[in-house]
Protein backbone atom coordinates (compact mmCIF):
# COMPACT_ATOMS: atom_id res chain seq x y z
CA MET A 1 6.99 130.39 89.27
CA ARG A 2 6.07 133.94 88.51
CA ARG A 3 2.32 133.04 88.56
CA ALA A 4 2.80 131.27 91.90
CA ALA A 5 4.49 134.27 93.43
CA LEU A 6 1.67 136.68 92.22
CA ALA A 7 -1.01 134.25 93.68
CA LEU A 8 0.87 134.30 96.96
CA LEU A 9 1.25 138.13 96.91
CA LEU A 10 -2.47 138.40 96.23
CA ALA A 11 -3.28 136.01 99.04
CA ALA A 12 -1.02 138.04 101.42
CA ALA A 13 -2.66 141.27 100.34
CA ALA A 14 -6.05 139.86 100.87
CA LEU A 15 -5.07 138.52 104.22
CA ALA A 16 -3.63 142.00 105.29
CA THR A 17 -6.45 144.20 104.06
CA GLY A 18 -9.63 142.21 104.17
CA CYS A 19 -10.29 140.92 100.71
CA ALA A 20 -13.83 139.27 100.98
CA ARG A 21 -14.69 136.46 98.90
CA THR A 22 -17.73 138.39 97.43
CA THR A 23 -15.63 141.50 96.78
CA GLY A 24 -15.31 142.81 93.18
CA PRO A 25 -12.02 143.08 91.27
CA GLY A 26 -11.55 146.74 92.32
CA TYR A 27 -11.00 145.73 95.91
CA TYR A 28 -8.66 142.97 95.00
CA TRP A 29 -6.69 145.36 92.88
CA GLN A 30 -6.23 148.04 95.70
CA SER A 31 -5.23 145.24 97.95
CA PHE A 32 -2.55 143.79 95.48
CA THR A 33 -1.12 147.26 94.47
CA GLY A 34 -1.24 148.58 98.08
CA HIS A 35 0.72 145.67 99.37
CA ALA A 36 3.09 145.49 96.42
CA ASP A 37 3.92 149.23 96.81
CA LEU A 38 4.66 148.62 100.57
CA MET A 39 7.01 145.63 99.74
CA TRP A 40 8.68 147.47 96.82
CA ARG A 41 9.63 150.45 99.23
CA THR A 42 11.41 148.06 101.62
CA ARG A 43 15.27 147.84 101.88
CA PRO A 44 17.14 145.64 104.40
CA VAL A 45 17.86 147.34 107.62
CA ALA A 46 21.66 146.75 107.12
CA ASP A 47 21.37 148.92 103.89
CA TRP A 48 19.66 151.68 105.73
CA LEU A 49 22.29 151.47 108.44
CA GLY A 50 25.09 151.50 106.02
CA ASP A 51 23.80 154.55 104.07
CA PRO A 52 25.39 157.79 105.13
CA ALA A 53 22.16 159.57 104.09
CA THR A 54 20.01 157.82 106.75
CA PRO A 55 19.10 160.43 109.53
CA ALA A 56 20.68 159.70 112.83
CA PRO A 57 17.40 159.52 114.65
CA LEU A 58 16.11 156.76 112.20
CA ARG A 59 19.52 155.00 112.30
CA GLN A 60 19.24 154.74 116.14
CA ARG A 61 15.57 153.38 115.95
CA LEU A 62 16.56 150.81 113.32
CA GLU A 63 19.34 149.72 115.50
CA LEU A 64 16.93 149.40 118.51
CA ALA A 65 14.35 147.45 116.50
CA ARG A 66 17.13 145.07 115.27
CA ARG A 67 18.06 144.39 118.93
CA GLN A 68 14.43 143.91 119.75
CA ARG A 69 14.10 141.54 116.81
CA ALA A 70 16.99 139.43 118.01
CA PHE A 71 15.58 139.40 121.47
CA ALA A 72 12.19 138.33 120.16
CA VAL A 73 14.04 135.11 118.82
CA SER A 74 16.45 134.40 121.73
CA GLU A 75 14.22 135.28 124.67
CA LEU A 76 10.56 134.97 123.53
CA GLY A 77 10.98 132.02 121.13
CA LEU A 78 9.32 133.93 118.17
CA PRO A 79 9.95 133.00 114.58
CA ASP A 80 13.49 133.63 113.21
CA ASN A 81 12.70 134.62 109.70
CA ALA A 82 12.78 137.62 107.37
CA SER A 83 10.06 139.63 109.13
CA TYR A 84 11.34 142.91 110.60
CA THR A 85 14.71 142.75 108.90
CA ARG A 86 13.61 145.32 106.37
CA TYR A 87 12.40 148.92 106.46
CA ALA A 88 10.16 151.16 104.31
CA ASP A 89 9.02 154.72 104.55
CA LEU A 90 5.47 154.72 103.36
CA GLN A 91 5.24 158.63 103.52
CA ARG A 92 1.95 158.24 105.15
CA PRO A 93 0.92 157.87 108.93
CA ALA A 94 -0.68 154.35 108.62
CA ALA A 95 -0.02 151.13 106.85
CA VAL A 96 -3.73 150.59 106.26
CA TYR A 97 -7.12 151.93 107.40
CA ASN A 98 -9.49 149.45 108.96
CA VAL A 99 -13.28 149.79 108.63
CA VAL A 100 -15.38 148.31 111.44
CA ALA A 101 -19.13 148.20 111.93
CA ALA A 102 -21.70 146.98 114.49
CA PRO A 103 -25.43 147.08 114.89
CA PRO A 104 -26.85 149.93 117.08
CA LEU A 105 -27.69 147.65 119.90
CA SER A 106 -24.80 145.13 119.71
CA LEU A 107 -21.04 145.03 120.33
CA ASP A 108 -20.73 142.11 117.76
CA LEU A 109 -18.84 143.30 114.63
CA LYS A 110 -19.88 142.75 111.07
CA THR A 111 -17.46 140.33 109.52
CA TRP A 112 -15.91 140.08 106.11
CA CYS A 113 -14.50 136.55 104.81
CA PHE A 114 -10.92 136.49 103.47
CA PRO A 115 -9.62 133.84 101.00
CA VAL A 116 -6.85 132.95 103.43
CA ALA A 117 -7.54 134.16 106.93
CA GLY A 118 -11.10 133.24 107.20
CA CYS A 119 -13.84 135.71 108.64
CA VAL A 120 -12.76 138.71 110.69
CA GLY A 121 -14.51 141.88 111.89
CA TYR A 122 -12.62 144.49 109.83
CA ARG A 123 -12.08 145.41 106.33
CA GLY A 124 -8.89 147.30 105.29
CA TYR A 125 -7.63 149.85 102.82
CA TYR A 126 -4.37 151.24 101.84
CA ARG A 127 -5.90 154.78 101.06
CA GLU A 128 -7.80 156.50 103.95
CA ALA A 129 -10.18 158.03 101.30
CA ASP A 130 -11.18 154.61 100.03
CA ALA A 131 -11.92 153.51 103.60
CA GLN A 132 -13.89 156.39 104.26
CA ALA A 133 -15.96 155.92 101.10
CA PHE A 134 -16.64 152.29 101.90
CA ALA A 135 -17.65 153.14 105.57
CA GLY A 136 -19.96 155.85 104.17
CA GLY A 137 -21.67 153.18 101.91
CA LEU A 138 -22.37 150.73 104.63
CA GLY A 139 -26.00 152.23 105.39
CA GLU A 140 -27.66 153.69 108.38
CA GLY A 141 -28.39 150.44 109.96
CA LEU A 142 -24.90 150.14 111.39
CA GLU A 143 -22.46 152.14 113.48
CA VAL A 144 -19.29 152.51 111.55
CA ALA A 145 -15.74 153.66 112.40
CA VAL A 146 -12.43 154.04 110.46
CA TYR A 147 -9.19 153.85 112.30
CA PRO A 148 -5.40 153.83 111.26
CA VAL A 149 -3.29 150.60 111.64
CA PRO A 150 0.28 151.32 111.93
CA ALA A 151 1.31 147.47 110.95
CA TYR A 152 -0.18 144.24 109.93
CA SER A 153 0.81 140.69 109.82
CA THR A 154 0.77 138.43 106.85
CA LEU A 155 1.20 135.34 109.14
CA GLY A 156 4.45 134.49 107.55
CA TRP A 157 3.23 134.09 104.07
CA MET A 158 5.35 136.91 102.70
CA ASN A 159 8.66 135.86 104.32
CA TRP A 160 9.80 134.45 100.88
CA ALA A 161 9.54 138.13 99.66
CA GLY A 162 11.32 139.74 102.69
CA GLY A 163 8.68 139.27 105.30
CA ASP A 164 6.71 141.92 107.17
CA PRO A 165 8.75 145.14 107.23
CA LEU A 166 9.49 147.85 109.77
CA LEU A 167 7.72 150.98 108.81
CA ASN A 168 7.85 154.71 109.44
CA THR A 169 4.24 154.46 110.83
CA PHE A 170 5.75 152.92 114.10
CA ILE A 171 9.56 153.02 114.04
CA HIS A 172 9.64 156.14 116.31
CA TYR A 173 7.34 154.73 118.92
CA PRO A 174 8.70 154.90 122.38
CA GLU A 175 11.11 151.99 123.12
CA GLY A 176 8.50 149.87 125.01
CA GLU A 177 5.80 150.44 122.47
CA LEU A 178 8.04 149.56 119.57
CA ALA A 179 8.89 146.27 121.32
CA ARG A 180 5.24 145.57 121.91
CA LEU A 181 4.27 146.11 118.39
CA VAL A 182 7.17 143.81 117.00
CA PHE A 183 6.42 141.12 119.43
CA HIS A 184 2.69 141.26 118.68
CA GLU A 185 2.96 141.00 114.96
CA LEU A 186 5.44 138.18 115.26
CA ALA A 187 3.09 136.39 117.62
CA HIS A 188 0.52 136.10 114.76
CA GLN A 189 3.14 133.89 112.91
CA VAL A 190 3.26 131.42 116.00
CA ALA A 191 -0.57 130.54 116.07
CA TYR A 192 -3.65 131.57 114.18
CA ALA A 193 -7.28 130.30 114.48
CA LYS A 194 -9.34 130.91 111.37
CA ASP A 195 -12.49 133.00 111.99
CA ASP A 196 -11.46 133.92 115.57
CA THR A 197 -10.37 137.42 115.83
CA ALA A 198 -10.70 137.44 119.69
CA PHE A 199 -8.42 134.44 120.09
CA ASN A 200 -5.72 135.64 117.60
CA GLU A 201 -5.71 139.24 118.84
CA SER A 202 -5.78 138.48 122.50
CA PHE A 203 -3.01 135.89 122.19
CA ALA A 204 -0.76 138.35 120.31
CA THR A 205 -1.65 141.02 122.94
CA ALA A 206 -0.68 138.61 125.75
CA VAL A 207 2.73 137.89 123.92
CA GLU A 208 3.40 141.60 123.59
CA ARG A 209 2.65 142.18 127.21
CA LEU A 210 4.79 139.28 128.49
CA GLY A 211 7.47 140.04 126.03
CA VAL A 212 7.81 143.76 126.88
CA GLN A 213 8.11 143.01 130.54
CA ARG A 214 11.03 140.66 129.80
CA TRP A 215 12.62 143.21 127.44
CA LEU A 216 12.38 145.93 129.89
CA ALA A 217 13.89 143.88 132.72
CA ARG A 218 16.77 142.45 130.75
CA ALA A 219 17.68 144.70 127.78
CA SER A 220 16.51 148.28 128.59
CA THR A 221 17.41 151.36 130.29
CA PRO A 222 16.07 152.96 133.59
CA ALA A 223 14.79 155.95 131.57
CA ALA A 224 12.90 153.62 128.99
CA ARG A 225 11.46 151.73 131.85
CA ALA A 226 10.20 154.84 133.47
CA GLU A 227 8.74 156.05 130.32
CA TYR A 228 6.94 152.67 129.74
CA VAL A 229 5.53 152.67 133.22
CA ALA A 230 3.92 156.19 132.79
CA PHE A 231 2.57 155.30 129.43
CA ASP A 232 1.28 151.90 130.38
CA GLN A 233 -0.43 153.09 133.62
CA ARG A 234 -2.51 155.54 131.42
CA ARG A 235 -3.25 152.82 128.95
CA ASN A 236 -4.37 150.34 131.59
CA ALA A 237 -6.57 152.95 133.22
CA PHE A 238 -8.33 153.67 129.92
CA ARG A 239 -8.69 149.93 129.04
CA GLN A 240 -10.20 149.51 132.42
CA LEU A 241 -12.69 152.24 131.79
CA THR A 242 -13.64 150.96 128.22
CA ARG A 243 -13.92 147.45 129.49
CA ALA A 244 -16.44 148.51 132.13
CA VAL A 245 -18.37 150.47 129.40
CA ARG A 246 -18.39 147.27 127.29
CA GLU A 247 -19.69 145.29 130.17
CA ARG A 248 -22.42 147.80 130.77
CA LEU A 249 -23.41 148.05 127.24
CA HIS A 250 -23.50 144.17 126.71
CA ALA A 251 -25.65 143.68 129.76
CA LEU A 252 -28.11 146.44 128.39
CA TYR A 253 -28.13 145.00 124.83
CA THR A 254 -28.94 141.41 126.06
CA ASP A 255 -31.50 142.30 128.77
CA PRO A 256 -34.74 140.41 127.46
CA ALA A 257 -36.94 142.47 129.79
CA LEU A 258 -36.15 145.78 127.86
CA ASP A 259 -37.54 146.89 124.49
CA ASP A 260 -35.35 148.54 121.93
CA ASP A 261 -36.55 152.15 122.46
CA THR A 262 -35.53 151.74 126.13
CA LYS A 263 -32.13 150.22 125.20
CA ARG A 264 -31.50 153.14 122.99
CA ALA A 265 -32.23 155.73 125.59
CA ARG A 266 -30.25 153.87 128.31
CA LYS A 267 -27.31 153.55 125.84
CA GLN A 268 -27.06 157.06 125.53
CA GLY A 269 -26.83 157.47 129.28
CA VAL A 270 -23.99 154.85 129.33
CA MET A 271 -22.06 156.69 126.71
CA ASP A 272 -22.58 160.07 128.41
CA ASP A 273 -21.28 158.57 131.67
CA PHE A 274 -18.31 157.03 129.86
CA ARG A 275 -17.39 160.57 128.58
CA ARG A 276 -17.73 162.11 131.91
CA GLU A 277 -15.54 159.39 133.52
CA TYR A 278 -13.01 159.88 130.89
CA ALA A 279 -12.86 163.63 131.39
CA ALA A 280 -12.28 162.96 135.17
CA LEU A 281 -9.44 160.58 134.16
CA LYS A 282 -7.84 162.89 131.72
CA ALA A 283 -7.88 165.61 134.61
CA PHE A 284 -6.24 163.08 136.86
CA TRP A 285 -3.50 162.52 134.20
CA GLY A 286 -2.74 166.30 134.12
CA GLY A 287 -4.50 166.83 130.76
CA PHE A 288 -2.94 163.89 128.82
CA SER A 289 -5.02 164.02 125.63
CA ALA A 290 -4.01 161.01 123.48
CA TYR A 291 -7.35 159.31 123.81
CA ASP A 292 -9.59 162.33 123.07
CA GLY A 293 -10.15 161.48 119.46
CA TRP A 294 -11.04 157.94 120.13
CA VAL A 295 -13.47 158.89 122.93
CA ALA A 296 -15.15 161.46 120.73
CA ARG A 297 -15.76 158.91 118.05
CA ALA A 298 -16.54 156.01 120.44
CA ASN A 299 -19.62 153.69 119.26
CA ASN A 300 -20.27 150.15 119.17
CA ALA A 301 -17.93 149.45 116.29
CA LEU A 302 -14.82 150.88 118.06
CA LEU A 303 -15.69 149.35 121.35
CA GLY A 304 -16.31 146.01 119.81
CA ALA A 305 -12.99 146.19 117.88
CA GLN A 306 -11.15 147.18 121.12
CA GLY A 307 -12.77 144.19 122.85
CA ALA A 308 -11.26 141.76 120.28
CA TYR A 309 -7.76 142.70 121.49
CA ASP A 310 -8.10 141.96 125.13
CA ARG A 311 -11.06 139.60 125.75
CA PHE A 312 -9.00 136.52 126.45
CA VAL A 313 -5.65 138.15 127.49
CA PRO A 314 -6.01 137.11 131.07
CA ALA A 315 -6.66 133.53 129.91
CA PHE A 316 -3.45 133.56 127.92
CA GLU A 317 -1.52 135.00 130.79
CA ALA A 318 -2.92 132.20 132.96
CA LEU A 319 -1.84 129.61 130.46
CA PHE A 320 1.72 131.11 130.38
CA GLU A 321 1.89 130.75 134.10
CA ARG A 322 0.46 127.14 133.91
CA GLU A 323 3.19 126.16 131.34
CA GLY A 324 5.81 127.21 133.68
CA LYS A 325 6.53 130.60 132.08
CA ASP A 326 8.20 128.71 129.27
CA PHE A 327 7.47 130.30 125.92
CA ALA A 328 7.95 127.01 123.90
CA ARG A 329 5.56 125.13 126.06
CA PHE A 330 3.10 128.06 126.03
CA TYR A 331 3.15 128.28 122.14
CA ASP A 332 2.64 124.53 121.92
CA ALA A 333 -0.41 124.83 124.22
CA VAL A 334 -1.86 127.90 122.24
CA ARG A 335 -1.45 125.95 118.92
CA ALA A 336 -3.35 123.03 120.57
CA LEU A 337 -6.12 125.53 121.30
CA ALA A 338 -6.07 126.80 117.88
CA ASP A 339 -6.82 123.34 116.49
CA LEU A 340 -9.97 123.04 118.56
CA PRO A 341 -13.41 123.88 117.35
CA GLN A 342 -14.09 127.43 118.37
CA ALA A 343 -16.65 126.68 121.02
CA ASP A 344 -14.31 124.18 122.69
CA ARG A 345 -11.54 126.74 122.26
CA HIS A 346 -13.40 129.55 123.98
CA ALA A 347 -14.71 127.19 126.74
CA ALA A 348 -11.03 126.31 127.57
CA LEU A 349 -10.09 129.91 127.73
CA GLN A 350 -13.05 130.89 129.78
CA ALA A 351 -11.98 127.91 132.31
CA LEU A 352 -8.48 129.60 132.65
CA ALA A 353 -9.78 132.97 133.25
CA PRO A 354 -13.73 133.77 132.97
CA THR A 355 -14.81 136.77 131.05
CA THR A 356 -18.21 138.50 130.83
CA ARG A 357 -18.46 137.48 127.18
């Protein structure tokens, strides 16, 4: 039994952090110890709430998260299990740090293959220094980025051990953003298509968007709704801008009439335009600067990673409408798509809502 539990923990850690089949034992060890440490730090939310030493702000957020977790089950049909019923303070700002990479003239991410989850376009580390070291060793032939991840899903594999926990890395998010994250990560336990990051992340993003609309309408306060609207308007404007940049770059990179030198020169122009357009958007926002760091580091890897999260979102939203806005029917339809070969799956999504790629 202990050996089986260890095997499951290793598999879950590999799933969460990108343990490639060709990776050496050192990477497996950091995956195992990182995830084990995360799980070791967790305590049931009820224990935190019953502890007089728990700070009042944290107590309020845990109570909010508990209501959102119950809402996810009762109103969104998301899994009712151990996930997000425990909390841990990791004493760091991110759960893991992801490394992404792409060629200089492509938005297609380099992939690593996991023992459980298949191949995805990132590789994760529990220590930022390890992520930066790996990124630095990928070579000059790739554009590389490292970014913090506040939470990850083990797809339900770790519910036997307490499930995916609430973490200090996101518990103090604004109310709507906290709901989005919890709904997103739980959605990964509903349906998962191996080797298809765009499908998986777009589905979870669609669920978070649909879910937070329902949460704000039925269970929130006017102040929280106003806060969310202001934040979401800026986020949508930024996504529209970066989506347009991805479309320009994709058209440039795939133009058969251009040689690579011309593509590189024009690529610089696209990126210069992007940063000018962002500066104008920031001025319109009155100086809101949350995206400054992302824009400063933007490259094919970051743009490609961002694209995976929203490529098929309109298609999933259209599917939700087609299924009568019924979450159970919607999830059944998504699971049926996940069972298809990837080409057929993407064709079905394209038919629901065409995308440029």
